[in-house]
Amino acid sequence: MNDEIVLKMDRDGTEILQFKRLLDFPNLKHGYTLRKNGINIYAKNNEQDMIESYKKVAKILNFDYKNIVKPHQTHTDKIEIVNSPNEEFDEVDGLITNKKNIFLCTTSADCISLLFYDPSKKVIADVHSGWRGTLKQIGRKAVEKMISVYSSNPRDIICCIGPCIKKCHFEVDIDVMQAFYDNFKYTGKSNEIIAKGRKIGNVQKFNVDTTLINKIILEEAGLRKENIIDSEICTVCNSYMFHSYRADREESGRNGAFIGIV
C-alpha cells in the first residue's frame, strides 16, 4: 500500500480506503470499501445485505445511506448527470454531479474505479471502467462531460484510481489483446501496455495494463500527471482484502467506490 492512501477505521473496526489527496478537501467525502466486516456492495443474492453494507459505509463516512446513488452497470461508456438521490440509472457506468449530499457509488470486483473531483467547479464523478469500458475510453468521456456540462478545466481535475486487477493478473486471449493493441497502438506504448504471458497448452496468453491505459487517456484528456493518483493495489494479489472476480469467480462480491459533496 503506497503513501497516497490511508485506511480509516470506525469504532466497530470497519475499514475503508481513502486517498490522501481527496482528504485535503473538507467538503468532500469518499472511500473505497474492503471486504472486511462483511461489506459487499452487491444485490445479486441479498439486497438487504447490500443495504447493510451501505449503512456501514455511511456510518464510517458520516452521511445518510439513503442518499447513495448507484447505477445498474453493464460495461457501457454511458455517463449520466445526477440531480437527485432518488434517481435510478440503468445500463450506466458513470455518474457526475455538483449537488450536495448526493453520494455516488460504483461497484467492481477487479474493474477500475475512477473517482474524479474538480475543486474549482465543485464537481464529482464516479466511473466504473472495466476492460470493455477502458477500450471505450469511458474515463476520457467522463472528463469531456465535466468540461461540457460544468465548464471544468481538465487541469483542475483530480482522478484517483482505486484497487483493481493489475497487469500481473489481467491475462487475456489473443482476441482481447488485439483489441487493446488496435485501440492504443497510436500511443506508441504498446510494449508497456501489452506483454506476452504464459502459454497454456498451445494457447498463448497476454497480460494487459489497463491502469496505464487509463493514465494515458486521462492525460490526453488534459489532466495533469500529478493529479492522477493510482492506489497501486492489485485486487487479485490482495483478494484477502478486496473482492476479486478472478480470485473468487462466481462467489465474488463487489467493492464499492463512493464520493459525495457536503
Protein backbone atom coordinates (compact mmCIF):
# COMPACT_ATOMS: atom_id res chain seq x y z
CA MET A 1 0.00 0.00 0.00
CA ASN A 2 1.58 3.28 -1.09
CA ASP A 3 1.76 6.53 0.86
CA GLU A 4 -1.01 8.13 -1.25
CA ILE A 5 -3.71 6.18 0.57
CA VAL A 6 -4.83 5.63 4.15
CA LEU A 7 -7.23 3.29 5.95
CA LYS A 8 -9.99 4.87 8.01
CA MET A 9 -11.50 2.74 10.78
CA ASP A 10 -14.57 3.31 12.95
CA ARG A 11 -15.17 2.08 16.48
CA ASP A 12 -16.61 -1.20 15.22
CA GLY A 13 -13.45 -1.97 13.27
CA THR A 14 -15.00 -1.28 9.85
CA GLU A 15 -12.32 -0.03 7.48
CA ILE A 16 -12.42 1.97 4.27
CA LEU A 17 -9.61 3.02 1.95
CA GLN A 18 -9.17 6.72 1.26
CA PHE A 19 -6.88 8.87 -0.88
CA LYS A 20 -4.83 11.49 0.97
CA ARG A 21 -5.24 13.93 -1.91
CA LEU A 22 -9.03 13.93 -1.61
CA LEU A 23 -8.84 14.24 2.17
CA ASP A 24 -7.42 17.74 1.59
CA PHE A 25 -10.96 18.91 0.79
CA PRO A 26 -13.25 19.17 3.86
CA ASN A 27 -16.35 19.46 1.63
CA LEU A 28 -15.70 16.01 0.16
CA LYS A 29 -16.41 12.51 1.46
CA HIS A 30 -15.07 9.45 -0.30
CA GLY A 31 -13.89 5.91 0.19
CA TYR A 32 -13.26 2.51 -1.37
CA THR A 33 -14.53 -0.49 0.56
CA LEU A 34 -12.73 -3.58 1.79
CA ARG A 35 -14.35 -6.99 2.13
CA LYS A 36 -13.62 -6.93 5.85
CA ASN A 37 -16.63 -6.76 8.20
CA GLY A 38 -18.80 -8.42 5.58
CA ILE A 39 -19.03 -5.37 3.32
CA ASN A 40 -20.34 -6.43 -0.08
CA ILE A 41 -21.97 -3.84 -2.35
CA TYR A 42 -23.78 -6.48 -4.38
CA ALA A 43 -27.50 -7.18 -4.50
CA LYS A 44 -27.24 -10.40 -6.53
CA ASN A 45 -28.05 -12.72 -3.64
CA ASN A 46 -29.50 -10.49 -0.94
CA GLU A 47 -30.42 -6.84 -1.38
CA GLN A 48 -30.77 -6.40 2.39
CA ASP A 49 -27.14 -7.42 2.85
CA MET A 50 -26.14 -4.73 0.36
CA ILE A 51 -28.19 -2.15 2.26
CA GLU A 52 -26.45 -3.19 5.48
CA SER A 53 -23.14 -2.62 3.71
CA TYR A 54 -24.38 0.81 2.59
CA LYS A 55 -25.16 1.61 6.21
CA LYS A 56 -21.66 0.60 7.34
CA VAL A 57 -20.07 2.83 4.71
CA ALA A 58 -22.41 5.71 5.53
CA LYS A 59 -21.64 5.36 9.23
CA ILE A 60 -17.87 5.48 8.80
CA LEU A 61 -18.11 8.46 6.42
CA ASN A 62 -20.96 10.12 8.34
CA PHE A 63 -23.71 10.53 5.76
CA ASP A 64 -27.24 9.22 5.18
CA TYR A 65 -27.12 5.94 3.25
CA LYS A 66 -30.46 6.83 1.62
CA ASN A 67 -28.59 9.48 -0.38
CA ILE A 68 -26.47 6.88 -2.19
CA VAL A 69 -27.00 6.69 -5.96
CA LYS A 70 -25.66 3.55 -7.65
CA PRO A 71 -26.32 2.76 -11.31
CA HIS A 72 -27.01 -0.65 -12.78
CA GLN A 73 -23.66 -1.18 -14.53
CA THR A 74 -23.32 -3.13 -17.77
CA HIS A 75 -19.79 -2.24 -19.01
CA THR A 76 -21.03 0.64 -21.15
CA ASP A 77 -19.45 4.03 -21.79
CA LYS A 78 -22.65 5.78 -20.74
CA ILE A 79 -22.37 8.57 -18.17
CA GLU A 80 -25.29 10.42 -16.61
CA ILE A 81 -25.74 13.61 -14.57
CA VAL A 82 -27.31 13.11 -11.14
CA ASN A 83 -29.58 15.82 -9.72
CA SER A 84 -31.43 13.91 -7.00
CA PRO A 85 -30.70 10.95 -4.70
CA ASN A 86 -33.98 9.41 -5.85
CA GLU A 87 -32.87 8.93 -9.45
CA GLU A 88 -32.26 5.47 -10.90
CA PHE A 89 -29.94 4.65 -13.77
CA ASP A 90 -29.91 1.52 -15.90
CA GLU A 91 -27.08 0.46 -18.21
CA VAL A 92 -24.92 3.32 -16.94
CA ASP A 93 -21.29 3.08 -15.80
CA GLY A 94 -20.50 6.64 -14.78
CA LEU A 95 -22.20 9.32 -12.68
CA ILE A 96 -21.47 13.04 -12.36
CA THR A 97 -22.94 15.69 -10.06
CA ASN A 98 -22.30 19.07 -8.48
CA LYS A 99 -25.14 18.68 -5.98
CA LYS A 100 -24.50 18.43 -2.26
CA ASN A 101 -25.49 15.39 -0.20
CA ILE A 102 -25.63 13.00 -3.14
CA PHE A 103 -23.21 10.12 -2.70
CA LEU A 104 -22.23 8.47 -5.94
CA CYS A 105 -21.34 4.78 -5.91
CA THR A 106 -20.00 2.37 -8.49
CA THR A 107 -19.02 -1.23 -7.80
CA SER A 108 -16.31 -3.53 -9.03
CA ALA A 109 -14.53 -6.82 -8.46
CA ASP A 110 -11.24 -6.25 -10.37
CA CYS A 111 -12.51 -3.49 -12.70
CA ILE A 112 -11.10 0.01 -12.34
CA SER A 113 -12.96 2.59 -10.26
CA LEU A 114 -12.21 6.22 -11.12
CA LEU A 115 -13.08 8.92 -8.57
CA PHE A 116 -12.95 12.44 -10.04
CA TYR A 117 -13.07 15.80 -8.30
CA ASP A 118 -12.87 19.30 -9.73
CA PRO A 119 -12.19 21.54 -6.69
CA SER A 120 -12.69 24.69 -8.75
CA LYS A 121 -16.20 23.93 -10.05
CA LYS A 122 -17.07 21.59 -7.13
CA VAL A 123 -17.97 18.69 -9.43
CA ILE A 124 -17.51 14.98 -8.74
CA ALA A 125 -17.68 11.87 -10.91
CA ASP A 126 -17.64 8.15 -10.13
CA VAL A 127 -16.80 5.86 -13.04
CA HIS A 128 -16.63 2.08 -13.50
CA SER A 129 -14.05 1.24 -16.16
CA GLY A 130 -13.70 -2.49 -16.76
CA TRP A 131 -11.67 -3.69 -19.72
CA ARG A 132 -14.59 -3.01 -22.05
CA GLY A 133 -15.08 0.46 -20.59
CA THR A 134 -11.36 1.10 -20.91
CA LEU A 135 -11.47 0.13 -24.59
CA LYS A 136 -14.34 2.64 -24.98
CA GLN A 137 -12.35 5.25 -23.02
CA ILE A 138 -15.10 5.96 -20.52
CA GLY A 139 -12.63 7.84 -18.32
CA ARG A 140 -11.94 10.34 -21.09
CA LYS A 141 -15.66 10.68 -21.75
CA ALA A 142 -16.28 11.50 -18.09
CA VAL A 143 -13.75 14.32 -18.27
CA GLU A 144 -15.29 15.59 -21.50
CA LYS A 145 -18.73 15.62 -19.86
CA MET A 146 -17.39 17.53 -16.83
CA ILE A 147 -16.00 20.09 -19.29
CA SER A 148 -19.13 20.37 -21.46
CA VAL A 149 -21.73 20.41 -18.66
CA TYR A 150 -19.89 22.20 -15.84
CA SER A 151 -17.14 24.11 -17.70
CA SER A 152 -14.43 22.25 -15.80
CA ASN A 153 -10.83 22.93 -16.71
CA PRO A 154 -9.23 19.48 -17.03
CA ARG A 155 -6.04 20.80 -15.44
CA ASP A 156 -8.03 21.30 -12.23
CA ILE A 157 -9.50 17.78 -12.19
CA ILE A 158 -8.11 15.16 -9.82
CA CYS A 159 -8.62 11.47 -10.58
CA CYS A 160 -7.97 8.69 -8.08
CA ILE A 161 -7.65 5.13 -9.40
CA GLY A 162 -8.96 2.53 -6.98
CA PRO A 163 -7.68 -1.00 -6.37
CA CYS A 164 -8.15 -3.16 -9.47
CA ILE A 165 -6.67 -6.04 -11.38
CA LYS A 166 -3.17 -5.11 -12.46
CA LYS A 167 -1.06 -6.22 -15.39
CA CYS A 168 0.36 -9.08 -13.33
CA HIS A 169 -3.04 -10.81 -13.28
CA PHE A 170 -5.03 -9.37 -16.20
CA GLU A 171 -4.39 -12.29 -18.51
CA VAL A 172 -6.29 -12.37 -21.82
CA ASP A 173 -6.51 -14.32 -25.06
CA ILE A 174 -5.29 -13.02 -28.39
CA ASP A 175 -8.66 -11.52 -29.40
CA VAL A 176 -8.82 -9.18 -26.40
CA MET A 177 -5.11 -8.41 -26.69
CA GLN A 178 -5.61 -7.49 -30.34
CA ALA A 179 -8.48 -5.15 -29.46
CA PHE A 180 -6.24 -3.31 -26.99
CA TYR A 181 -3.38 -3.21 -29.47
CA ASP A 182 -5.57 -1.85 -32.25
CA ASN A 183 -7.16 0.79 -30.00
CA PHE A 184 -4.00 2.05 -28.31
CA LYS A 185 -1.11 1.45 -30.72
CA TYR A 186 -1.31 5.17 -31.51
CA THR A 187 0.16 5.87 -28.06
CA GLY A 188 3.49 4.33 -29.04
CA LYS A 189 3.44 2.42 -25.75
CA SER A 190 2.19 -0.98 -26.89
CA ASN A 191 5.22 -2.71 -25.39
CA GLU A 192 4.41 -1.21 -21.99
CA ILE A 193 0.68 -1.88 -22.24
CA ILE A 194 0.87 -5.46 -23.54
CA ALA A 195 3.24 -8.28 -22.60
CA LYS A 196 3.39 -11.85 -23.85
CA GLY A 197 2.39 -14.07 -20.95
CA ARG A 198 2.37 -17.76 -20.25
CA LYS A 199 1.42 -20.48 -22.70
CA ILE A 200 -1.30 -22.92 -21.70
CA GLY A 201 -1.09 -25.92 -23.98
CA ASN A 202 -0.98 -24.38 -27.44
CA VAL A 203 -2.73 -21.19 -26.35
CA GLN A 204 -0.63 -18.06 -25.93
CA LYS A 205 -1.82 -15.69 -23.22
CA PHE A 206 -1.13 -11.98 -22.89
CA ASN A 207 -1.08 -9.52 -19.99
CA VAL A 208 -2.59 -6.05 -20.41
CA ASP A 209 -2.03 -2.96 -18.25
CA THR A 210 -5.43 -1.24 -18.16
CA THR A 211 -4.29 1.11 -15.39
CA LEU A 212 -1.58 2.50 -17.64
CA ILE A 213 -4.08 2.93 -20.45
CA ASN A 214 -6.38 4.95 -18.19
CA LYS A 215 -3.48 7.14 -17.09
CA ILE A 216 -2.59 7.79 -20.72
CA ILE A 217 -6.12 8.67 -21.83
CA LEU A 218 -6.68 10.89 -18.77
CA GLU A 219 -3.51 12.85 -19.56
CA GLU A 220 -4.67 13.10 -23.18
CA ALA A 221 -7.97 14.49 -21.86
CA GLY A 222 -6.00 17.29 -20.20
CA LEU A 223 -5.41 16.10 -16.63
CA ARG A 224 -2.04 16.89 -15.14
CA LYS A 225 0.09 13.84 -14.43
CA GLU A 226 0.41 14.78 -10.77
CA ASN A 227 -3.40 14.87 -10.47
CA ILE A 228 -3.76 11.21 -11.45
CA ILE A 229 -3.28 9.17 -8.29
CA ASP A 230 -3.02 5.39 -8.50
CA SER A 231 -3.68 3.25 -5.43
CA GLU A 232 -1.19 0.74 -6.92
CA ILE A 233 -3.18 -2.12 -5.36
CA CYS A 234 -3.97 -5.29 -7.30
CA THR A 235 -7.28 -6.79 -6.17
CA VAL A 236 -6.20 -10.29 -7.23
CA CYS A 237 -2.89 -10.15 -5.35
CA ASN A 238 -4.82 -8.81 -2.35
CA SER A 239 -8.04 -10.80 -2.67
CA TYR A 240 -7.97 -11.40 1.08
CA MET A 241 -8.67 -7.65 1.42
CA PHE A 242 -10.82 -6.94 -1.65
CA HIS A 243 -13.48 -8.76 -3.63
CA SER A 244 -11.91 -10.20 -6.79
CA TYR A 245 -13.73 -12.00 -9.59
CA ARG A 246 -10.52 -13.52 -10.92
CA ALA A 247 -9.78 -14.96 -7.50
CA ASP A 248 -13.27 -15.98 -6.36
CA ARG A 249 -15.17 -16.34 -9.66
CA GLU A 250 -18.94 -16.67 -9.18
CA GLU A 251 -18.55 -16.45 -5.40
CA SER A 252 -17.10 -12.97 -5.70
CA GLY A 253 -18.74 -10.00 -4.03
CA ARG A 254 -18.31 -6.36 -5.05
CA ASN A 255 -16.21 -3.48 -3.75
CA GLY A 256 -17.77 -0.03 -3.65
CA ALA A 257 -16.25 3.32 -4.64
CA PHE A 258 -18.07 6.24 -3.02
CA ILE A 259 -17.78 10.01 -3.39
CA GLY A 260 -20.03 12.89 -2.32
CA ILE A 261 -20.03 16.65 -1.71
CA VAL A 262 -21.25 18.03 1.62
